[in-house]
PDB file of all heavy atoms in Angstrom:
ATOM      1  N   VAL A   1      76.421 159.525  93.745  1.00  0.00           N
ATOM      2  CA  VAL A   1      77.363 158.402  93.778  1.00  0.00           C
ATOM      3  C   VAL A   1      76.568 157.104  93.690  1.00  0.00           C
ATOM      4  O   VAL A   1      75.631 156.896  94.471  1.00  0.00           O
ATOM      5  CB  VAL A   1      78.200 158.418  95.074  1.00  0.00           C
ATOM      6  CG1 VAL A   1      79.050 157.156  95.188  1.00  0.00           C
ATOM      7  CG2 VAL A   1      79.086 159.655  95.103  1.00  0.00           C
ATOM      8  N   PRO A   2      76.886 156.227  92.747  1.00  0.00           N
ATOM      9  CA  PRO A   2      76.187 154.929  92.670  1.00  0.00           C
ATOM     10  C   PRO A   2      76.316 154.169  93.989  1.00  0.00           C
ATOM     11  O   PRO A   2      77.354 154.222  94.653  1.00  0.00           O
ATOM     12  CB  PRO A   2      76.903 154.202  91.531  1.00  0.00           C
ATOM     13  CG  PRO A   2      77.516 155.296  90.707  1.00  0.00           C
ATOM     14  CD  PRO A   2      77.896 156.376  91.672  1.00  0.00           C
ATOM     15  N   SER A   3      75.266 153.466  94.349  1.00  0.00           N
ATOM     16  CA  SER A   3      75.245 152.807  95.660  1.00  0.00           C
ATOM     17  C   SER A   3      76.327 151.750  95.804  1.00  0.00           C
ATOM     18  O   SER A   3      76.770 151.461  96.920  1.00  0.00           O
ATOM     19  CB  SER A   3      73.873 152.169  95.896  1.00  0.00           C
ATOM     20  OG  SER A   3      73.588 151.221  94.881  1.00  0.00           O
ATOM     21  N   ASP A   4      76.789 151.146  94.700  1.00  0.00           N
ATOM     22  CA  ASP A   4      77.815 150.105  94.817  1.00  0.00           C
ATOM     23  C   ASP A   4      79.228 150.675  94.866  1.00  0.00           C
ATOM     24  O   ASP A   4      80.198 149.919  94.876  1.00  0.00           O
ATOM     25  CB  ASP A   4      77.694 149.108  93.663  1.00  0.00           C
ATOM     26  CG  ASP A   4      77.931 149.760  92.305  1.00  0.00           C
ATOM     27  OD1 ASP A   4      77.865 151.012  92.237  1.00  0.00           O
ATOM     28  OD2 ASP A   4      78.183 149.036  91.330  1.00  0.00           O
ATOM     29  N   LYS A   5      79.355 151.996  94.892  1.00  0.00           N
ATOM     30  CA  LYS A   5      80.678 152.614  94.937  1.00  0.00           C
ATOM     31  C   LYS A   5      81.061 153.076  96.342  1.00  0.00           C
ATOM     32  O   LYS A   5      82.152 153.615  96.539  1.00  0.00           O
ATOM     33  CB  LYS A   5      80.742 153.804  93.971  1.00  0.00           C
ATOM     34  CG  LYS A   5      80.582 153.399  92.518  1.00  0.00           C
ATOM     35  CD  LYS A   5      81.565 152.308  92.117  1.00  0.00           C
ATOM     36  CE  LYS A   5      81.354 151.804  90.705  1.00  0.00           C
ATOM     37  NZ  LYS A   5      82.259 150.681  90.378  1.00  0.00           N
ATOM     38  N   ILE A   6      80.179 152.883  97.292  1.00  0.00           N
ATOM     39  CA  ILE A   6      80.494 153.151  98.696  1.00  0.00           C
ATOM     40  C   ILE A   6      80.245 151.863  99.478  1.00  0.00           C
ATOM     41  O   ILE A   6      79.164 151.267  99.384  1.00  0.00           O
ATOM     42  CB  ILE A   6      79.642 154.293  99.278  1.00  0.00           C
ATOM     43  CG1 ILE A   6      80.021 155.623  98.634  1.00  0.00           C
ATOM     44  CG2 ILE A   6      79.824 154.377 100.800  1.00  0.00           C
ATOM     45  CD1 ILE A   6      81.423 156.115  98.954  1.00  0.00           C
ATOM     46  N   GLU A   7      81.245 151.439 100.204  1.00  0.00           N
ATOM     47  CA  GLU A   7      81.114 150.244 101.046  1.00  0.00           C
ATOM     48  C   GLU A   7      81.230 150.672 102.510  1.00  0.00           C
ATOM     49  O   GLU A   7      82.090 151.481 102.866  1.00  0.00           O
ATOM     50  CB  GLU A   7      82.215 149.229 100.730  1.00  0.00           C
ATOM     51  CG  GLU A   7      82.154 147.973 101.587  1.00  0.00           C
ATOM     52  CD  GLU A   7      83.302 147.018 101.293  1.00  0.00           C
ATOM     53  OE1 GLU A   7      84.459 147.398 101.587  1.00  0.00           O
ATOM     54  OE2 GLU A   7      83.060 145.914 100.778  1.00  0.00           O
ATOM     55  N   LEU A   8      80.363 150.129 103.349  1.00  0.00           N
ATOM     56  CA  LEU A   8      80.389 150.428 104.773  1.00  0.00           C
ATOM     57  C   LEU A   8      81.089 149.303 105.514  1.00  0.00           C
ATOM     58  O   LEU A   8      80.808 148.126 105.281  1.00  0.00           O
ATOM     59  CB  LEU A   8      78.962 150.600 105.302  1.00  0.00           C
ATOM     60  CG  LEU A   8      78.123 151.675 104.600  1.00  0.00           C
ATOM     61  CD1 LEU A   8      76.721 151.706 105.193  1.00  0.00           C
ATOM     62  CD2 LEU A   8      78.785 153.052 104.703  1.00  0.00           C
ATOM     63  N   GLU A   9      82.002 149.651 106.416  1.00  0.00           N
ATOM     64  CA  GLU A   9      82.725 148.668 107.209  1.00  0.00           C
ATOM     65  C   GLU A   9      82.258 148.755 108.657  1.00  0.00           C
ATOM     66  O   GLU A   9      82.330 149.819 109.278  1.00  0.00           O
ATOM     67  CB  GLU A   9      84.238 148.907 107.140  1.00  0.00           C
ATOM     68  CG  GLU A   9      84.824 148.696 105.757  1.00  0.00           C
ATOM     69  CD  GLU A   9      86.346 148.791 105.765  1.00  0.00           C
ATOM     70  OE1 GLU A   9      86.922 148.931 106.866  1.00  0.00           O
ATOM     71  OE2 GLU A   9      86.952 148.733 104.680  1.00  0.00           O
ATOM     72  N   ILE A  10      81.774 147.640 109.173  1.00  0.00           N
ATOM     73  CA  ILE A  10      81.340 147.589 110.572  1.00  0.00           C
ATOM     74  C   ILE A  10      82.146 146.536 111.299  1.00  0.00           C
ATOM     75  O   ILE A  10      82.595 145.557 110.705  1.00  0.00           O
ATOM     76  CB  ILE A  10      79.828 147.282 110.687  1.00  0.00           C
ATOM     77  CG1 ILE A  10      79.517 145.905 110.108  1.00  0.00           C
ATOM     78  CG2 ILE A  10      79.011 148.355 110.010  1.00  0.00           C
ATOM     79  CD1 ILE A  10      78.077 145.489 110.307  1.00  0.00           C
ATOM     80  N   THR A  11      82.338 146.740 112.580  1.00  0.00           N
ATOM     81  CA  THR A  11      83.083 145.770 113.376  1.00  0.00           C
ATOM     82  C   THR A  11      82.155 144.654 113.836  1.00  0.00           C
ATOM     83  O   THR A  11      80.935 144.777 113.799  1.00  0.00           O
ATOM     84  CB  THR A  11      83.708 146.437 114.622  1.00  0.00           C
ATOM     85  OG1 THR A  11      82.650 146.964 115.432  1.00  0.00           O
ATOM     86  CG2 THR A  11      84.645 147.560 114.211  1.00  0.00           C
ATOM     87  N   GLU A  12      82.762 143.540 114.298  1.00  0.00           N
ATOM     88  CA  GLU A  12      81.968 142.414 114.777  1.00  0.00           C
ATOM     89  C   GLU A  12      81.100 142.805 115.976  1.00  0.00           C
ATOM     90  O   GLU A  12      80.016 142.262 116.163  1.00  0.00           O
ATOM     91  CB  GLU A  12      82.893 141.265 115.178  1.00  0.00           C
ATOM     92  CG  GLU A  12      83.608 140.645 114.004  1.00  0.00           C
ATOM     93  CD  GLU A  12      84.431 139.446 114.425  1.00  0.00           C
ATOM     94  OE1 GLU A  12      83.933 138.606 115.175  1.00  0.00           O
ATOM     95  OE2 GLU A  12      85.577 139.368 113.991  1.00  0.00           O
ATOM     96  N   SER A  13      81.578 143.772 116.776  1.00  0.00           N
ATOM     97  CA  SER A  13      80.803 144.173 117.952  1.00  0.00           C
ATOM     98  C   SER A  13      79.476 144.794 117.552  1.00  0.00           C
ATOM     99  O   SER A  13      78.482 144.675 118.263  1.00  0.00           O
ATOM    100  CB  SER A  13      81.612 145.159 118.801  1.00  0.00           C
ATOM    101  OG  SER A  13      81.931 146.305 118.035  1.00  0.00           O
ATOM    102  N   VAL A  14      79.444 145.460 116.414  1.00  0.00           N
ATOM    103  CA  VAL A  14      78.188 146.033 115.932  1.00  0.00           C
ATOM    104  C   VAL A  14      77.193 144.923 115.630  1.00  0.00           C
ATOM    105  O   VAL A  14      76.003 145.010 115.953  1.00  0.00           O
ATOM    106  CB  VAL A  14      78.432 146.886 114.664  1.00  0.00           C
ATOM    107  CG1 VAL A  14      77.108 147.357 114.087  1.00  0.00           C
ATOM    108  CG2 VAL A  14      79.312 148.072 114.986  1.00  0.00           C
ATOM    109  N   VAL A  15      77.700 143.833 115.036  1.00  0.00           N
ATOM    110  CA  VAL A  15      76.827 142.725 114.664  1.00  0.00           C
ATOM    111  C   VAL A  15      76.158 142.129 115.891  1.00  0.00           C
ATOM    112  O   VAL A  15      74.987 141.763 115.882  1.00  0.00           O
ATOM    113  CB  VAL A  15      77.633 141.644 113.917  1.00  0.00           C
ATOM    114  CG1 VAL A  15      76.748 140.450 113.588  1.00  0.00           C
ATOM    115  CG2 VAL A  15      78.247 142.234 112.659  1.00  0.00           C
ATOM    116  N   MET A  16      76.924 142.027 116.982  1.00  0.00           N
ATOM    117  CA  MET A  16      76.417 141.376 118.179  1.00  0.00           C
ATOM    118  C   MET A  16      75.606 142.307 119.069  1.00  0.00           C
ATOM    119  O   MET A  16      75.042 141.871 120.062  1.00  0.00           O
ATOM    120  CB  MET A  16      77.593 140.808 118.981  1.00  0.00           C
ATOM    121  CG  MET A  16      78.382 139.732 118.244  1.00  0.00           C
ATOM    122  SD  MET A  16      77.359 138.320 117.815  1.00  0.00           S
ATOM    123  CE  MET A  16      77.041 137.652 119.438  1.00  0.00           C
ATOM    124  N   ASP A  17      75.549 143.605 118.724  1.00  0.00           N
ATOM    125  CA  ASP A  17      74.841 144.566 119.555  1.00  0.00           C
ATOM    126  C   ASP A  17      73.440 144.772 118.983  1.00  0.00           C
ATOM    127  O   ASP A  17      73.280 145.344 117.906  1.00  0.00           O
ATOM    128  CB  ASP A  17      75.635 145.882 119.589  1.00  0.00           C
ATOM    129  CG  ASP A  17      75.093 146.841 120.634  1.00  0.00           C
ATOM    130  OD1 ASP A  17      74.213 146.434 121.426  1.00  0.00           O
ATOM    131  OD2 ASP A  17      75.535 147.988 120.647  1.00  0.00           O
ATOM    132  N   GLU A  18      72.415 144.303 119.700  1.00  0.00           N
ATOM    133  CA  GLU A  18      71.028 144.438 119.261  1.00  0.00           C
ATOM    134  C   GLU A  18      70.851 143.837 117.866  1.00  0.00           C
ATOM    135  O   GLU A  18      70.660 144.532 116.863  1.00  0.00           O
ATOM    136  CB  GLU A  18      70.611 145.906 119.282  1.00  0.00           C
ATOM    137  CG  GLU A  18      70.678 146.528 120.671  1.00  0.00           C
ATOM    138  CD  GLU A  18      70.187 147.964 120.699  1.00  0.00           C
ATOM    139  OE1 GLU A  18      69.652 148.417 119.668  1.00  0.00           O
ATOM    140  OE2 GLU A  18      70.330 148.618 121.738  1.00  0.00           O
ATOM    141  N   VAL A  19      70.922 142.517 117.817  1.00  0.00           N
ATOM    142  CA  VAL A  19      70.970 141.780 116.552  1.00  0.00           C
ATOM    143  C   VAL A  19      69.770 142.067 115.662  1.00  0.00           C
ATOM    144  O   VAL A  19      69.905 142.222 114.444  1.00  0.00           O
ATOM    145  CB  VAL A  19      71.088 140.268 116.834  1.00  0.00           C
ATOM    146  CG1 VAL A  19      71.029 139.475 115.535  1.00  0.00           C
ATOM    147  CG2 VAL A  19      72.368 139.980 117.593  1.00  0.00           C
ATOM    148  N   GLU A  20      68.604 142.151 116.248  1.00  0.00           N
ATOM    149  CA  GLU A  20      67.409 142.379 115.436  1.00  0.00           C
ATOM    150  C   GLU A  20      67.492 143.716 114.707  1.00  0.00           C
ATOM    151  O   GLU A  20      67.180 143.814 113.519  1.00  0.00           O
ATOM    152  CB  GLU A  20      66.163 142.333 116.318  1.00  0.00           C
ATOM    153  CG  GLU A  20      65.864 140.940 116.868  1.00  0.00           C
ATOM    154  CD  GLU A  20      64.563 140.894 117.650  1.00  0.00           C
ATOM    155  OE1 GLU A  20      63.879 141.950 117.724  1.00  0.00           O
ATOM    156  OE2 GLU A  20      64.242 139.833 118.178  1.00  0.00           O
ATOM    157  N   GLN A  21      67.917 144.741 115.429  1.00  0.00           N
ATOM    158  CA  GLN A  21      68.033 146.053 114.798  1.00  0.00           C
ATOM    159  C   GLN A  21      69.119 146.040 113.725  1.00  0.00           C
ATOM    160  O   GLN A  21      68.950 146.619 112.647  1.00  0.00           O
ATOM    161  CB  GLN A  21      68.345 147.117 115.848  1.00  0.00           C
ATOM    162  CG  GLN A  21      68.481 148.518 115.259  1.00  0.00           C
ATOM    163  CD  GLN A  21      68.788 149.562 116.320  1.00  0.00           C
ATOM    164  OE1 GLN A  21      68.491 149.365 117.483  1.00  0.00           O
ATOM    165  NE2 GLN A  21      69.385 150.664 115.908  1.00  0.00           N
ATOM    166  N   VAL A  22      70.249 145.369 114.036  1.00  0.00           N
ATOM    167  CA  VAL A  22      71.339 145.270 113.065  1.00  0.00           C
ATOM    168  C   VAL A  22      70.849 144.572 111.799  1.00  0.00           C
ATOM    169  O   VAL A  22      71.149 144.996 110.672  1.00  0.00           O
ATOM    170  CB  VAL A  22      72.534 144.507 113.674  1.00  0.00           C
ATOM    171  CG1 VAL A  22      73.548 144.144 112.586  1.00  0.00           C
ATOM    172  CG2 VAL A  22      73.209 145.341 114.750  1.00  0.00           C
ATOM    173  N   THR A  23      70.093 143.498 111.969  1.00  0.00           N
ATOM    174  CA  THR A  23      69.580 142.761 110.814  1.00  0.00           C
ATOM    175  C   THR A  23      68.682 143.648 109.960  1.00  0.00           C
ATOM    176  O   THR A  23      68.784 143.659 108.721  1.00  0.00           O
ATOM    177  CB  THR A  23      68.797 141.524 111.283  1.00  0.00           C
ATOM    178  OG1 THR A  23      69.655 140.706 112.092  1.00  0.00           O
ATOM    179  CG2 THR A  23      68.303 140.713 110.102  1.00  0.00           C
ATOM    180  N   ARG A  24      67.815 144.398 110.606  1.00  0.00           N
ATOM    181  CA  ARG A  24      66.927 145.294 109.853  1.00  0.00           C
ATOM    182  C   ARG A  24      67.732 146.334 109.084  1.00  0.00           C
ATOM    183  O   ARG A  24      67.450 146.608 107.904  1.00  0.00           O
ATOM    184  CB  ARG A  24      65.951 145.986 110.810  1.00  0.00           C
ATOM    185  CG  ARG A  24      64.857 145.075 111.350  1.00  0.00           C
ATOM    186  CD  ARG A  24      63.733 145.901 111.977  1.00  0.00           C
ATOM    187  NE  ARG A  24      64.224 146.703 113.098  1.00  0.00           N
ATOM    188  CZ  ARG A  24      64.256 146.288 114.358  1.00  0.00           C
ATOM    189  NH1 ARG A  24      63.821 145.061 114.659  1.00  0.00           N
ATOM    190  NH2 ARG A  24      64.693 147.073 115.320  1.00  0.00           N
ATOM    191  N   THR A  25      68.726 146.915 109.757  1.00  0.00           N
ATOM    192  CA  THR A  25      69.528 147.955 109.101  1.00  0.00           C
ATOM    193  C   THR A  25      70.300 147.378 107.919  1.00  0.00           C
ATOM    194  O   THR A  25      70.369 147.984 106.841  1.00  0.00           O
ATOM    195  CB  THR A  25      70.499 148.592 110.107  1.00  0.00           C
ATOM    196  OG1 THR A  25      69.758 149.151 111.195  1.00  0.00           O
ATOM    197  CG2 THR A  25      71.327 149.677 109.457  1.00  0.00           C
ATOM    198  N   LEU A  26      70.883 146.173 108.106  1.00  0.00           N
ATOM    199  CA  LEU A  26      71.641 145.554 107.014  1.00  0.00           C
ATOM    200  C   LEU A  26      70.740 145.254 105.820  1.00  0.00           C
ATOM    201  O   LEU A  26      71.112 145.502 104.660  1.00  0.00           O
ATOM    202  CB  LEU A  26      72.307 144.272 107.509  1.00  0.00           C
ATOM    203  CG  LEU A  26      73.522 144.438 108.421  1.00  0.00           C
ATOM    204  CD1 LEU A  26      73.969 143.087 108.968  1.00  0.00           C
ATOM    205  CD2 LEU A  26      74.677 145.094 107.670  1.00  0.00           C
ATOM    206  N   ASN A  27      69.582 144.704 106.087  1.00  0.00           N
ATOM    207  CA  ASN A  27      68.665 144.401 104.993  1.00  0.00           C
ATOM    208  C   ASN A  27      68.220 145.666 104.271  1.00  0.00           C
ATOM    209  O   ASN A  27      68.060 145.675 103.035  1.00  0.00           O
ATOM    210  CB  ASN A  27      67.445 143.646 105.522  1.00  0.00           C
ATOM    211  CG  ASN A  27      67.777 142.205 105.882  1.00  0.00           C
ATOM    212  OD1 ASN A  27      68.623 141.579 105.250  1.00  0.00           O
ATOM    213  ND2 ASN A  27      67.122 141.684 106.909  1.00  0.00           N
ATOM    214  N   GLU A  28      68.041 146.736 105.026  1.00  0.00           N
ATOM    215  CA  GLU A  28      67.638 147.997 104.407  1.00  0.00           C
ATOM    216  C   GLU A  28      68.766 148.553 103.544  1.00  0.00           C
ATOM    217  O   GLU A  28      68.527 149.052 102.438  1.00  0.00           O
ATOM    218  CB  GLU A  28      67.240 149.001 105.490  1.00  0.00           C
ATOM    219  CG  GLU A  28      66.504 150.225 104.941  1.00  0.00           C
ATOM    220  CD  GLU A  28      65.969 151.118 106.053  1.00  0.00           C
ATOM    221  OE1 GLU A  28      66.116 150.740 107.237  1.00  0.00           O
ATOM    222  OE2 GLU A  28      65.424 152.180 105.734  1.00  0.00           O
ATOM    223  N   LEU A  29      70.006 148.449 104.042  1.00  0.00           N
ATOM    224  CA  LEU A  29      71.153 148.898 103.242  1.00  0.00           C
ATOM    225  C   LEU A  29      71.255 148.095 101.952  1.00  0.00           C
ATOM    226  O   LEU A  29      71.539 148.642 100.879  1.00  0.00           O
ATOM    227  CB  LEU A  29      72.447 148.761 104.059  1.00  0.00           C
ATOM    228  CG  LEU A  29      72.644 149.775 105.192  1.00  0.00           C
ATOM    229  CD1 LEU A  29      73.811 149.364 106.091  1.00  0.00           C
ATOM    230  CD2 LEU A  29      72.899 151.175 104.626  1.00  0.00           C
ATOM    231  N   LYS A  30      71.043 146.769 102.063  1.00  0.00           N
ATOM    232  CA  LYS A  30      71.116 145.929 100.872  1.00  0.00           C
ATOM    233  C   LYS A  30      70.015 146.293  99.878  1.00  0.00           C
ATOM    234  O   LYS A  30      70.214 146.205  98.657  1.00  0.00           O
ATOM    235  CB  LYS A  30      71.004 144.457 101.261  1.00  0.00           C
ATOM    236  CG  LYS A  30      72.191 143.937 102.063  1.00  0.00           C
ATOM    237  CD  LYS A  30      73.510 144.125 101.319  1.00  0.00           C
ATOM    238  CE  LYS A  30      73.562 143.340 100.041  1.00  0.00           C
ATOM    239  NZ  LYS A  30      74.854 143.536  99.328  1.00  0.00           N
ATOM    240  N   SER A  31      68.867 146.705 100.402  1.00  0.00           N
ATOM    241  CA  SER A  31      67.773 147.093  99.497  1.00  0.00           C
ATOM    242  C   SER A  31      68.148 148.327  98.685  1.00  0.00           C
ATOM    243  O   SER A  31      67.623 148.539  97.587  1.00  0.00           O
ATOM    244  CB  SER A  31      66.495 147.354 100.298  1.00  0.00           C
ATOM    245  OG  SER A  31      66.608 148.554 101.066  1.00  0.00           O
ATOM    246  N   TYR A  32      69.049 149.129  99.218  1.00  0.00           N
ATOM    247  CA  TYR A  32      69.551 150.296  98.489  1.00  0.00           C
ATOM    248  C   TYR A  32      70.758 149.952  97.621  1.00  0.00           C
ATOM    249  O   TYR A  32      71.301 150.831  96.934  1.00  0.00           O
ATOM    250  CB  TYR A  32      69.945 151.408  99.461  1.00  0.00           C
ATOM    251  CG  TYR A  32      68.792 152.056 100.196  1.00  0.00           C
ATOM    252  CD1 TYR A  32      68.745 152.063 101.574  1.00  0.00           C
ATOM    253  CD2 TYR A  32      67.751 152.674  99.503  1.00  0.00           C
ATOM    254  CE1 TYR A  32      67.689 152.661 102.266  1.00  0.00           C
ATOM    255  CE2 TYR A  32      66.699 153.272 100.172  1.00  0.00           C
ATOM    256  CZ  TYR A  32      66.669 153.255 101.552  1.00  0.00           C
ATOM    257  OH  TYR A  32      65.629 153.847 102.225  1.00  0.00           O
ATOM    258  N   GLY A  33      71.231 148.691  97.680  1.00  0.00           N
ATOM    259  CA  GLY A  33      72.381 148.280  96.871  1.00  0.00           C
ATOM    260  C   GLY A  33      73.722 148.649  97.457  1.00  0.00           C
ATOM    261  O   GLY A  33      74.717 148.732  96.737  1.00  0.00           O
ATOM    262  N   ILE A  34      73.777 148.878  98.766  1.00  0.00           N
ATOM    263  CA  ILE A  34      75.013 149.306  99.423  1.00  0.00           C
ATOM    264  C   ILE A  34      75.726 148.091 100.014  1.00  0.00           C
ATOM    265  O   ILE A  34      75.120 147.296 100.729  1.00  0.00           O
ATOM    266  CB  ILE A  34      74.709 150.332 100.531  1.00  0.00           C
ATOM    267  CG1 ILE A  34      74.029 151.569  99.918  1.00  0.00           C
ATOM    268  CG2 ILE A  34      75.981 150.726 101.275  1.00  0.00           C
ATOM    269  CD1 ILE A  34      73.445 152.505 100.950  1.00  0.00           C
ATOM    270  N   ASP A  35      77.001 147.940  99.689  1.00  0.00           N
ATOM    271  CA  ASP A  35      77.791 146.823 100.206  1.00  0.00           C
ATOM    272  C   ASP A  35      78.174 147.063 101.660  1.00  0.00           C
ATOM    273  O   ASP A  35      78.407 148.209 102.078  1.00  0.00           O
ATOM    274  CB  ASP A  35      79.076 146.632  99.385  1.00  0.00           C
ATOM    275  CG  ASP A  35      78.779 146.083  98.006  1.00  0.00           C
ATOM    276  OD1 ASP A  35      77.638 145.630  97.779  1.00  0.00           O
ATOM    277  OD2 ASP A  35      79.686 146.105  97.153  1.00  0.00           O
ATOM    278  N   VAL A  36      78.275 145.951 102.424  1.00  0.00           N
ATOM    279  CA  VAL A  36      78.685 146.027 103.821  1.00  0.00           C
ATOM    280  C   VAL A  36      79.769 144.980 104.069  1.00  0.00           C
ATOM    281  O   VAL A  36      79.632 143.819 103.665  1.00  0.00           O
ATOM    282  CB  VAL A  36      77.506 145.782 104.783  1.00  0.00           C
ATOM    283  CG1 VAL A  36      77.977 145.854 106.239  1.00  0.00           C
ATOM    284  CG2 VAL A  36      76.398 146.799 104.537  1.00  0.00           C
TER     285      VAL A  36
END
């Protein structure tokens, strides 16, 4: 499945929980071309 054909939905609480880790995970997902 092309990476731009799956989008991940996260709640605002995820963003505020361990921000540094969330930032790393988001950047890694973007490096794979996955929308969030």
